[in-house]
Amino acid sequence: MILRNYWIENDFMKYYVMIKELDNKEIIKELKKWYNTNIIECPLCQKIILIKETMDYNKEFEGRICKSCFKKKENDAKTETEKGL
């Protein structure tokens, strides 16, 4: 079983009372809408993250990655540069 961390943002929480009063089909519809507009999976580590927490990887890779993968790649690039000197 794979466990993932899901982050909830304030924009979602302000709709909590409204969503709480909806029936199951409407709740699922609202949650899917929020998920599709606010969540992305990091293509490198498959961690679920908020879109606003992602980082642009580079110009060749047209995608966004999580901050931890961005830092790893940045550190790898620094290490590679230092080895080359």
PDB file of N, CA and C in Angstrom:
ATOM      1  N   MET A   1       0.840  -1.176   0.000  1.00  0.00           N
ATOM      2  CA  MET A   1       0.000   0.000   0.000  1.00  0.00           C
ATOM      3  C   MET A   1       0.892   1.248   0.000  1.00  0.00           C
ATOM      4  N   ILE A   2       0.596   2.174  -0.864  1.00  0.00           N
ATOM      5  CA  ILE A   2       1.363   3.416  -0.969  1.00  0.00           C
ATOM      6  C   ILE A   2       0.595   4.515  -0.244  1.00  0.00           C
ATOM      7  N   LEU A   3       1.243   5.144   0.701  1.00  0.00           N
ATOM      8  CA  LEU A   3       0.635   6.264   1.410  1.00  0.00           C
ATOM      9  C   LEU A   3       1.217   7.555   0.875  1.00  0.00           C
ATOM     10  N   ARG A   4       0.374   8.530   0.665  1.00  0.00           N
ATOM     11  CA  ARG A   4       0.826   9.813   0.143  1.00  0.00           C
ATOM     12  C   ARG A   4       0.317  10.923   1.043  1.00  0.00           C
ATOM     13  N   ASN A   5       1.059  11.988   1.092  1.00  0.00           N
ATOM     14  CA  ASN A   5       0.636  13.159   1.865  1.00  0.00           C
ATOM     15  C   ASN A   5      -0.195  14.056   0.973  1.00  0.00           C
ATOM     16  N   TYR A   6      -1.358  14.450   1.468  1.00  0.00           N
ATOM     17  CA  TYR A   6      -2.204  15.370   0.736  1.00  0.00           C
ATOM     18  C   TYR A   6      -2.263  16.677   1.511  1.00  0.00           C
ATOM     19  N   TRP A   7      -2.028  17.768   0.833  1.00  0.00           N
ATOM     20  CA  TRP A   7      -2.026  19.080   1.462  1.00  0.00           C
ATOM     21  C   TRP A   7      -3.342  19.771   1.133  1.00  0.00           C
ATOM     22  N   ILE A   8      -3.916  20.446   2.106  1.00  0.00           N
ATOM     23  CA  ILE A   8      -5.168  21.168   1.902  1.00  0.00           C
ATOM     24  C   ILE A   8      -4.869  22.652   2.069  1.00  0.00           C
ATOM     25  N   GLU A   9      -5.310  23.439   1.135  1.00  0.00           N
ATOM     26  CA  GLU A   9      -5.034  24.873   1.204  1.00  0.00           C
ATOM     27  C   GLU A   9      -6.261  25.646   1.666  1.00  0.00           C
ATOM     28  N   ASN A  10      -6.054  26.881   2.029  1.00  0.00           N
ATOM     29  CA  ASN A  10      -7.116  27.722   2.578  1.00  0.00           C
ATOM     30  C   ASN A  10      -8.267  27.922   1.608  1.00  0.00           C
ATOM     31  N   ASP A  11      -7.988  28.041   0.315  1.00  0.00           N
ATOM     32  CA  ASP A  11      -9.058  28.219  -0.667  1.00  0.00           C
ATOM     33  C   ASP A  11     -10.037  27.058  -0.614  1.00  0.00           C
ATOM     34  N   PHE A  12      -9.523  25.866  -0.415  1.00  0.00           N
ATOM     35  CA  PHE A  12     -10.383  24.695  -0.322  1.00  0.00           C
ATOM     36  C   PHE A  12     -11.185  24.724   0.977  1.00  0.00           C
ATOM     37  N   MET A  13     -10.552  25.100   2.057  1.00  0.00           N
ATOM     38  CA  MET A  13     -11.204  25.080   3.366  1.00  0.00           C
ATOM     39  C   MET A  13     -12.370  26.064   3.448  1.00  0.00           C
ATOM     40  N   LYS A  14     -12.288  27.170   2.716  1.00  0.00           N
ATOM     41  CA  LYS A  14     -13.398  28.130   2.790  1.00  0.00           C
ATOM     42  C   LYS A  14     -14.672  27.565   2.162  1.00  0.00           C
ATOM     43  N   TYR A  15     -14.547  26.537   1.324  1.00  0.00           N
ATOM     44  CA  TYR A  15     -15.712  25.884   0.734  1.00  0.00           C
ATOM     45  C   TYR A  15     -16.170  24.672   1.544  1.00  0.00           C
ATOM     46  N   TYR A  16     -15.511  24.403   2.658  1.00  0.00           N
ATOM     47  CA  TYR A  16     -15.806  23.207   3.440  1.00  0.00           C
ATOM     48  C   TYR A  16     -17.270  23.145   3.871  1.00  0.00           C
ATOM     49  N   VAL A  17     -17.802  24.242   4.401  1.00  0.00           N
ATOM     50  CA  VAL A  17     -19.184  24.257   4.884  1.00  0.00           C
ATOM     51  C   VAL A  17     -20.145  24.001   3.734  1.00  0.00           C
ATOM     52  N   MET A  18     -19.895  24.633   2.600  1.00  0.00           N
ATOM     53  CA  MET A  18     -20.758  24.429   1.442  1.00  0.00           C
ATOM     54  C   MET A  18     -20.694  22.974   0.974  1.00  0.00           C
ATOM     55  N   ILE A  19     -19.504  22.427   0.883  1.00  0.00           N
ATOM     56  CA  ILE A  19     -19.324  21.061   0.402  1.00  0.00           C
ATOM     57  C   ILE A  19     -19.930  20.057   1.379  1.00  0.00           C
ATOM     58  N   LYS A  20     -19.824  20.342   2.668  1.00  0.00           N
ATOM     59  CA  LYS A  20     -20.345  19.445   3.700  1.00  0.00           C
ATOM     60  C   LYS A  20     -21.845  19.217   3.530  1.00  0.00           C
ATOM     61  N   GLU A  21     -22.559  20.201   3.011  1.00  0.00           N
ATOM     62  CA  GLU A  21     -24.004  20.112   2.850  1.00  0.00           C
ATOM     63  C   GLU A  21     -24.426  19.433   1.546  1.00  0.00           C
ATOM     64  N   LEU A  22     -23.502  19.158   0.673  1.00  0.00           N
ATOM     65  CA  LEU A  22     -23.826  18.530  -0.601  1.00  0.00           C
ATOM     66  C   LEU A  22     -23.999  17.025  -0.435  1.00  0.00           C
ATOM     67  N   ASP A  23     -24.679  16.394  -1.420  1.00  0.00           N
ATOM     68  CA  ASP A  23     -24.773  14.931  -1.362  1.00  0.00           C
ATOM     69  C   ASP A  23     -23.481  14.319  -1.902  1.00  0.00           C
ATOM     70  N   ASN A  24     -23.333  13.020  -1.809  1.00  0.00           N
ATOM     71  CA  ASN A  24     -22.081  12.343  -2.152  1.00  0.00           C
ATOM     72  C   ASN A  24     -21.600  12.626  -3.575  1.00  0.00           C
ATOM     73  N   LYS A  25     -22.496  12.599  -4.556  1.00  0.00           N
ATOM     74  CA  LYS A  25     -22.085  12.834  -5.942  1.00  0.00           C
ATOM     75  C   LYS A  25     -21.566  14.258  -6.123  1.00  0.00           C
ATOM     76  N   GLU A  26     -22.227  15.205  -5.492  1.00  0.00           N
ATOM     77  CA  GLU A  26     -21.790  16.596  -5.603  1.00  0.00           C
ATOM     78  C   GLU A  26     -20.468  16.821  -4.875  1.00  0.00           C
ATOM     79  N   ILE A  27     -20.283  16.151  -3.738  1.00  0.00           N
ATOM     80  CA  ILE A  27     -19.021  16.259  -2.999  1.00  0.00           C
ATOM     81  C   ILE A  27     -17.879  15.731  -3.848  1.00  0.00           C
ATOM     82  N   ILE A  28     -18.070  14.572  -4.422  1.00  0.00           N
ATOM     83  CA  ILE A  28     -17.039  13.967  -5.266  1.00  0.00           C
ATOM     84  C   ILE A  28     -16.714  14.879  -6.440  1.00  0.00           C
ATOM     85  N   LYS A  29     -17.734  15.469  -7.051  1.00  0.00           N
ATOM     86  CA  LYS A  29     -17.528  16.381  -8.178  1.00  0.00           C
ATOM     87  C   LYS A  29     -16.696  17.592  -7.753  1.00  0.00           C
ATOM     88  N   GLU A  30     -17.019  18.198  -6.604  1.00  0.00           N
ATOM     89  CA  GLU A  30     -16.274  19.361  -6.115  1.00  0.00           C
ATOM     90  C   GLU A  30     -14.836  18.999  -5.756  1.00  0.00           C
ATOM     91  N   LEU A  31     -14.639  17.854  -5.119  1.00  0.00           N
ATOM     92  CA  LEU A  31     -13.291  17.428  -4.756  1.00  0.00           C
ATOM     93  C   LEU A  31     -12.442  17.148  -5.991  1.00  0.00           C
ATOM     94  N   LYS A  32     -13.027  16.514  -7.001  1.00  0.00           N
ATOM     95  CA  LYS A  32     -12.292  16.254  -8.246  1.00  0.00           C
ATOM     96  C   LYS A  32     -11.914  17.560  -8.932  1.00  0.00           C
ATOM     97  N   LYS A  33     -12.832  18.523  -8.912  1.00  0.00           N
ATOM     98  CA  LYS A  33     -12.555  19.823  -9.526  1.00  0.00           C
ATOM     99  C   LYS A  33     -11.387  20.506  -8.808  1.00  0.00           C
ATOM    100  N   TRP A  34     -11.409  20.498  -7.466  1.00  0.00           N
ATOM    101  CA  TRP A  34     -10.314  21.094  -6.698  1.00  0.00           C
ATOM    102  C   TRP A  34      -9.013  20.365  -6.972  1.00  0.00           C
ATOM    103  N   TYR A  35      -9.064  19.043  -6.967  1.00  0.00           N
ATOM    104  CA  TYR A  35      -7.870  18.220  -7.189  1.00  0.00           C
ATOM    105  C   TYR A  35      -7.259  18.513  -8.560  1.00  0.00           C
ATOM    106  N   ASN A  36      -8.081  18.568  -9.595  1.00  0.00           N
ATOM    107  CA  ASN A  36      -7.589  18.795 -10.955  1.00  0.00           C
ATOM    108  C   ASN A  36      -7.003  20.187 -11.153  1.00  0.00           C
ATOM    109  N   THR A  37      -7.451  21.157 -10.374  1.00  0.00           N
ATOM    110  CA  THR A  37      -6.931  22.510 -10.547  1.00  0.00           C
ATOM    111  C   THR A  37      -5.796  22.858  -9.585  1.00  0.00           C
ATOM    112  N   ASN A  38      -5.592  22.070  -8.531  1.00  0.00           N
ATOM    113  CA  ASN A  38      -4.618  22.438  -7.502  1.00  0.00           C
ATOM    114  C   ASN A  38      -3.529  21.416  -7.222  1.00  0.00           C
ATOM    115  N   ILE A  39      -3.635  20.226  -7.762  1.00  0.00           N
ATOM    116  CA  ILE A  39      -2.708  19.144  -7.413  1.00  0.00           C
ATOM    117  C   ILE A  39      -1.959  18.661  -8.654  1.00  0.00           C
ATOM    118  N   ILE A  40      -0.692  18.298  -8.455  1.00  0.00           N
ATOM    119  CA  ILE A  40       0.120  17.704  -9.513  1.00  0.00           C
ATOM    120  C   ILE A  40       0.978  16.613  -8.879  1.00  0.00           C
ATOM    121  N   GLU A  41       1.349  15.643  -9.672  1.00  0.00           N
ATOM    122  CA  GLU A  41       2.248  14.595  -9.199  1.00  0.00           C
ATOM    123  C   GLU A  41       3.633  14.879  -9.755  1.00  0.00           C
ATOM    124  N   CYS A  42       4.636  14.903  -8.880  1.00  0.00           N
ATOM    125  CA  CYS A  42       6.012  15.144  -9.323  1.00  0.00           C
ATOM    126  C   CYS A  42       6.421  13.999 -10.250  1.00  0.00           C
ATOM    127  N   PRO A  43       6.869  14.292 -11.467  1.00  0.00           N
ATOM    128  CA  PRO A  43       7.231  13.225 -12.409  1.00  0.00           C
ATOM    129  C   PRO A  43       8.487  12.460 -12.001  1.00  0.00           C
ATOM    130  N   LEU A  44       9.284  13.011 -11.092  1.00  0.00           N
ATOM    131  CA  LEU A  44      10.518  12.344 -10.679  1.00  0.00           C
ATOM    132  C   LEU A  44      10.320  11.423  -9.482  1.00  0.00           C
ATOM    133  N   CYS A  45       9.575  11.868  -8.478  1.00  0.00           N
ATOM    134  CA  CYS A  45       9.410  11.054  -7.259  1.00  0.00           C
ATOM    135  C   CYS A  45       7.966  10.596  -7.042  1.00  0.00           C
ATOM    136  N   GLN A  46       7.036  11.017  -7.873  1.00  0.00           N
ATOM    137  CA  GLN A  46       5.624  10.667  -7.804  1.00  0.00           C
ATOM    138  C   GLN A  46       4.937  11.131  -6.517  1.00  0.00           C
ATOM    139  N   LYS A  47       5.478  12.164  -5.880  1.00  0.00           N
ATOM    140  CA  LYS A  47       4.852  12.727  -4.688  1.00  0.00           C
ATOM    141  C   LYS A  47       3.732  13.658  -5.134  1.00  0.00           C
ATOM    142  N   ILE A  48       2.607  13.615  -4.433  1.00  0.00           N
ATOM    143  CA  ILE A  48       1.483  14.492  -4.716  1.00  0.00           C
ATOM    144  C   ILE A  48       1.752  15.837  -4.040  1.00  0.00           C
ATOM    145  N   ILE A  49       1.693  16.926  -4.815  1.00  0.00           N
ATOM    146  CA  ILE A  49       1.988  18.252  -4.273  1.00  0.00           C
ATOM    147  C   ILE A  49       1.024  19.291  -4.840  1.00  0.00           C
ATOM    148  N   LEU A  50       0.910  20.407  -4.139  1.00  0.00           N
ATOM    149  CA  LEU A  50       0.127  21.525  -4.653  1.00  0.00           C
ATOM    150  C   LEU A  50       0.868  22.160  -5.820  1.00  0.00           C
ATOM    151  N   ILE A  51       0.143  22.570  -6.826  1.00  0.00           N
ATOM    152  CA  ILE A  51       0.754  23.185  -8.003  1.00  0.00           C
ATOM    153  C   ILE A  51       1.564  24.418  -7.613  1.00  0.00           C
ATOM    154  N   LYS A  52       1.062  25.206  -6.661  1.00  0.00           N
ATOM    155  CA  LYS A  52       1.784  26.428  -6.283  1.00  0.00           C
ATOM    156  C   LYS A  52       3.082  26.129  -5.540  1.00  0.00           C
ATOM    157  N   GLU A  53       3.300  24.881  -5.107  1.00  0.00           N
ATOM    158  CA  GLU A  53       4.527  24.494  -4.418  1.00  0.00           C
ATOM    159  C   GLU A  53       5.566  23.894  -5.371  1.00  0.00           C
ATOM    160  N   THR A  54       5.258  23.814  -6.649  1.00  0.00           N
ATOM    161  CA  THR A  54       6.173  23.195  -7.605  1.00  0.00           C
ATOM    162  C   THR A  54       7.218  24.188  -8.093  1.00  0.00           C
ATOM    163  N   MET A  55       8.258  23.645  -8.693  1.00  0.00           N
ATOM    164  CA  MET A  55       9.354  24.455  -9.220  1.00  0.00           C
ATOM    165  C   MET A  55       9.502  24.147 -10.712  1.00  0.00           C
ATOM    166  N   ASP A  56       9.856  25.157 -11.514  1.00  0.00           N
ATOM    167  CA  ASP A  56      10.180  24.909 -12.916  1.00  0.00           C
ATOM    168  C   ASP A  56      11.501  24.162 -12.955  1.00  0.00           C
ATOM    169  N   TYR A  57      11.548  23.061 -13.685  1.00  0.00           N
ATOM    170  CA  TYR A  57      12.752  22.226 -13.704  1.00  0.00           C
ATOM    171  C   TYR A  57      13.837  22.866 -14.559  1.00  0.00           C
ATOM    172  N   ASN A  58      13.648  22.895 -15.849  1.00  0.00           N
ATOM    173  CA  ASN A  58      14.570  23.597 -16.745  1.00  0.00           C
ATOM    174  C   ASN A  58      13.877  23.825 -18.082  1.00  0.00           C
ATOM    175  N   LYS A  59      14.565  24.469 -18.991  1.00  0.00           N
ATOM    176  CA  LYS A  59      13.938  24.821 -20.267  1.00  0.00           C
ATOM    177  C   LYS A  59      13.700  23.610 -21.159  1.00  0.00           C
ATOM    178  N   GLU A  60      14.541  22.570 -21.034  1.00  0.00           N
ATOM    179  CA  GLU A  60      14.384  21.386 -21.877  1.00  0.00           C
ATOM    180  C   GLU A  60      13.220  20.510 -21.400  1.00  0.00           C
ATOM    181  N   PHE A  61      12.982  20.506 -20.109  1.00  0.00           N
ATOM    182  CA  PHE A  61      11.929  19.677 -19.519  1.00  0.00           C
ATOM    183  C   PHE A  61      10.736  20.560 -19.223  1.00  0.00           C
ATOM    184  N   GLU A  62       9.701  20.442 -20.013  1.00  0.00           N
ATOM    185  CA  GLU A  62       8.532  21.295 -19.834  1.00  0.00           C
ATOM    186  C   GLU A  62       7.611  20.690 -18.788  1.00  0.00           C
ATOM    187  N   GLY A  63       8.014  20.793 -17.570  1.00  0.00           N
ATOM    188  CA  GLY A  63       7.222  20.260 -16.475  1.00  0.00           C
ATOM    189  C   GLY A  63       7.620  20.911 -15.175  1.00  0.00           C
ATOM    190  N   ARG A  64       6.941  20.529 -14.138  1.00  0.00           N
ATOM    191  CA  ARG A  64       7.218  21.090 -12.829  1.00  0.00           C
ATOM    192  C   ARG A  64       7.489  19.944 -11.871  1.00  0.00           C
ATOM    193  N   ILE A  65       8.412  20.167 -10.945  1.00  0.00           N
ATOM    194  CA  ILE A  65       8.780  19.136  -9.983  1.00  0.00           C
ATOM    195  C   ILE A  65       8.676  19.700  -8.564  1.00  0.00           C
ATOM    196  N   CYS A  66       8.729  18.813  -7.574  1.00  0.00           N
ATOM    197  CA  CYS A  66       8.647  19.252  -6.179  1.00  0.00           C
ATOM    198  C   CYS A  66       9.959  19.912  -5.755  1.00  0.00           C
ATOM    199  N   LYS A  67       9.906  20.646  -4.667  1.00  0.00           N
ATOM    200  CA  LYS A  67      11.081  21.376  -4.189  1.00  0.00           C
ATOM    201  C   LYS A  67      12.214  20.437  -3.811  1.00  0.00           C
ATOM    202  N   SER A  68      11.895  19.289  -3.214  1.00  0.00           N
ATOM    203  CA  SER A  68      12.961  18.366  -2.809  1.00  0.00           C
ATOM    204  C   SER A  68      13.700  17.806  -4.025  1.00  0.00           C
ATOM    205  N   CYS A  69      12.995  17.465  -5.088  1.00  0.00           N
ATOM    206  CA  CYS A  69      13.654  16.984  -6.311  1.00  0.00           C
ATOM    207  C   CYS A  69      14.450  18.109  -6.965  1.00  0.00           C
ATOM    208  N   PHE A  70      13.917  19.328  -6.920  1.00  0.00           N
ATOM    209  CA  PHE A  70      14.621  20.476  -7.478  1.00  0.00           C
ATOM    210  C   PHE A  70      15.950  20.680  -6.759  1.00  0.00           C
ATOM    211  N   LYS A  71      15.925  20.592  -5.423  1.00  0.00           N
ATOM    212  CA  LYS A  71      17.151  20.763  -4.640  1.00  0.00           C
ATOM    213  C   LYS A  71      18.143  19.641  -4.919  1.00  0.00           C
ATOM    214  N   LYS A  72      17.651  18.404  -5.073  1.00  0.00           N
ATOM    215  CA  LYS A  72      18.535  17.276  -5.391  1.00  0.00           C
ATOM    216  C   LYS A  72      19.232  17.507  -6.721  1.00  0.00           C
ATOM    217  N   LYS A  73      18.466  17.906  -7.729  1.00  0.00           N
ATOM    218  CA  LYS A  73      19.036  18.150  -9.057  1.00  0.00           C
ATOM    219  C   LYS A  73      20.030  19.312  -9.012  1.00  0.00           C
ATOM    220  N   GLU A  74      19.695  20.339  -8.235  1.00  0.00           N
ATOM    221  CA  GLU A  74      20.581  21.494  -8.098  1.00  0.00           C
ATOM    222  C   GLU A  74      21.896  21.075  -7.430  1.00  0.00           C
ATOM    223  N   ASN A  75      21.817  20.266  -6.379  1.00  0.00           N
ATOM    224  CA  ASN A  75      23.013  19.774  -5.688  1.00  0.00           C
ATOM    225  C   ASN A  75      23.833  18.854  -6.590  1.00  0.00           C
ATOM    226  N   ASP A  76      23.151  18.002  -7.370  1.00  0.00           N
ATOM    227  CA  ASP A  76      23.852  17.124  -8.307  1.00  0.00           C
ATOM    228  C   ASP A  76      24.620  17.938  -9.344  1.00  0.00           C
ATOM    229  N   ALA A  77      24.003  19.011  -9.825  1.00  0.00           N
ATOM    230  CA  ALA A  77      24.652  19.868 -10.822  1.00  0.00           C
ATOM    231  C   ALA A  77      25.877  20.558 -10.223  1.00  0.00           C
ATOM    232  N   LYS A  78      25.769  21.013  -8.965  1.00  0.00           N
ATOM    233  CA  LYS A  78      26.909  21.653  -8.303  1.00  0.00           C
ATOM    234  C   LYS A  78      28.048  20.662  -8.114  1.00  0.00           C
ATOM    235  N   THR A  79      27.720  19.451  -7.691  1.00  0.00           N
ATOM    236  CA  THR A  79      28.729  18.410  -7.478  1.00  0.00           C
ATOM    237  C   THR A  79      29.422  18.064  -8.788  1.00  0.00           C
ATOM    238  N   GLU A  80      28.648  17.954  -9.849  1.00  0.00           N
ATOM    239  CA  GLU A  80      29.195  17.636 -11.170  1.00  0.00           C
ATOM    240  C   GLU A  80      30.131  18.748 -11.639  1.00  0.00           C
ATOM    241  N   THR A  81      29.749  19.993 -11.389  1.00  0.00           N
ATOM    242  CA  THR A  81      30.576  21.138 -11.766  1.00  0.00           C
ATOM    243  C   THR A  81      31.880  21.145 -10.972  1.00  0.00           C
ATOM    244  N   GLU A  82      31.790  20.849  -9.685  1.00  0.00           N
ATOM    245  CA  GLU A  82      32.986  20.825  -8.838  1.00  0.00           C
ATOM    246  C   GLU A  82      33.943  19.712  -9.257  1.00  0.00           C
ATOM    247  N   LYS A  83      33.413  18.573  -9.676  1.00  0.00           N
ATOM    248  CA  LYS A  83      34.253  17.464 -10.138  1.00  0.00           C
ATOM    249  C   LYS A  83      34.979  17.833 -11.423  1.00  0.00           C
ATOM    250  N   GLY A  84      34.324  18.632 -12.248  1.00  0.00           N
ATOM    251  CA  GLY A  84      34.905  19.039 -13.516  1.00  0.00           C
ATOM    252  C   GLY A  84      36.049  20.028 -13.364  1.00  0.00           C
ATOM    253  N   LEU A  85      36.117  20.708 -12.236  1.00  0.00           N
ATOM    254  CA  LEU A  85      37.173  21.710 -12.023  1.00  0.00           C
ATOM    255  C   LEU A  85      38.406  21.067 -11.587  1.00  0.00           C
TER     256      LEU A  85
END
